[in-house]
Amino acid sequence: MFLSLLLLLQAAPVETAQPAPEKPREKVVCRRIAETGSLIGGKRVCMTPADWQQQERDARDSIDRFHQSSVAPGK
């Protein structure tokens, strides 16, 4: 019985797991962000170029909204 089990296991094809192909990593750009009120403080922030562009667009949109809301009506 034991011998037949070993023969079955030996005859069974062995499937090796193929690792999934990895996606190419996006380039990461790191910048030092100054901390307000500190000359030596700050932190390092790392993001993809697309993330940096999105953050810059968001900042410009916030500034534009601020300017539009601070304009006195009628002037």
Protein backbone atom coordinates (compact mmCIF):
# COMPACT_ATOMS: atom_id res chain seq x y z
CA MET A 1 0.00 0.00 0.00
CA PHE A 2 2.75 2.42 0.99
CA LEU A 3 4.78 1.50 -2.07
CA SER A 4 1.86 2.15 -4.43
CA LEU A 5 1.30 5.57 -2.83
CA LEU A 6 4.93 6.46 -3.40
CA LEU A 7 4.71 5.34 -7.02
CA LEU A 8 1.60 7.47 -7.56
CA LEU A 9 3.28 10.52 -6.06
CA GLN A 10 6.35 9.95 -8.18
CA ALA A 11 4.31 9.60 -11.37
CA ALA A 12 2.26 12.73 -10.73
CA PRO A 13 3.56 15.75 -12.61
CA VAL A 14 5.09 18.35 -10.38
CA GLU A 15 3.71 21.84 -10.97
CA THR A 16 5.99 24.63 -9.98
CA ALA A 17 4.40 27.95 -9.21
CA GLN A 18 5.57 30.62 -11.61
CA PRO A 19 5.91 34.01 -9.96
CA ALA A 20 3.63 36.61 -11.47
CA PRO A 21 5.51 39.07 -13.64
CA GLU A 22 6.16 42.20 -11.64
CA LYS A 23 4.99 45.57 -12.86
CA PRO A 24 7.83 47.96 -13.52
CA ARG A 25 8.18 50.29 -10.59
CA GLU A 26 7.41 53.91 -11.18
CA LYS A 27 10.23 56.35 -10.64
CA VAL A 28 10.01 58.04 -7.25
CA VAL A 29 11.12 61.62 -6.69
CA CYS A 30 11.96 62.74 -3.17
CA ARG A 31 11.86 66.35 -2.01
CA ARG A 32 12.60 68.01 1.30
CA ILE A 33 9.57 69.96 2.50
CA ALA A 34 10.45 72.88 4.79
CA GLU A 35 8.61 73.13 8.07
CA THR A 36 7.09 76.56 8.68
CA GLY A 37 8.88 78.38 11.51
CA SER A 38 11.92 76.15 11.50
CA LEU A 39 15.23 76.75 9.79
CA ILE A 40 16.47 73.20 10.19
CA GLY A 41 13.24 71.26 10.42
CA GLY A 42 11.45 69.64 7.56
CA LYS A 43 10.66 66.27 6.21
CA ARG A 44 11.45 64.22 3.17
CA VAL A 45 8.47 63.34 0.98
CA CYS A 46 8.72 60.82 -1.84
CA MET A 47 6.10 60.50 -4.60
CA THR A 48 5.87 59.66 -8.27
CA PRO A 49 6.11 62.53 -10.75
CA ALA A 50 2.37 62.15 -11.46
CA ASP A 51 1.61 62.49 -7.73
CA TRP A 52 3.78 65.63 -7.51
CA GLN A 53 1.96 67.15 -10.48
CA GLN A 54 -1.42 66.36 -8.92
CA GLN A 55 -0.35 67.96 -5.64
CA GLU A 56 0.79 71.11 -7.48
CA ARG A 57 -2.55 71.30 -9.36
CA ASP A 58 -4.45 70.91 -6.09
CA ALA A 59 -2.39 73.68 -4.48
CA ARG A 60 -2.99 76.03 -7.44
CA ASP A 61 -6.73 75.27 -7.34
CA SER A 62 -6.83 76.05 -3.60
CA ILE A 63 -5.04 79.37 -4.14
CA ASP A 64 -7.38 80.27 -7.01
CA ARG A 65 -10.46 79.51 -4.90
CA PHE A 66 -9.05 81.60 -2.06
CA HIS A 67 -8.42 84.55 -4.38
CA GLN A 68 -11.89 84.29 -5.89
CA SER A 69 -13.57 84.20 -2.48
CA SER A 70 -11.53 87.15 -1.14
CA VAL A 71 -12.41 89.50 -3.99
CA ALA A 72 -14.98 92.04 -2.76
CA PRO A 73 -18.16 92.04 -4.84
CA GLY A 74 -18.69 95.14 -6.98
CA LYS A 75 -15.03 96.09 -7.25
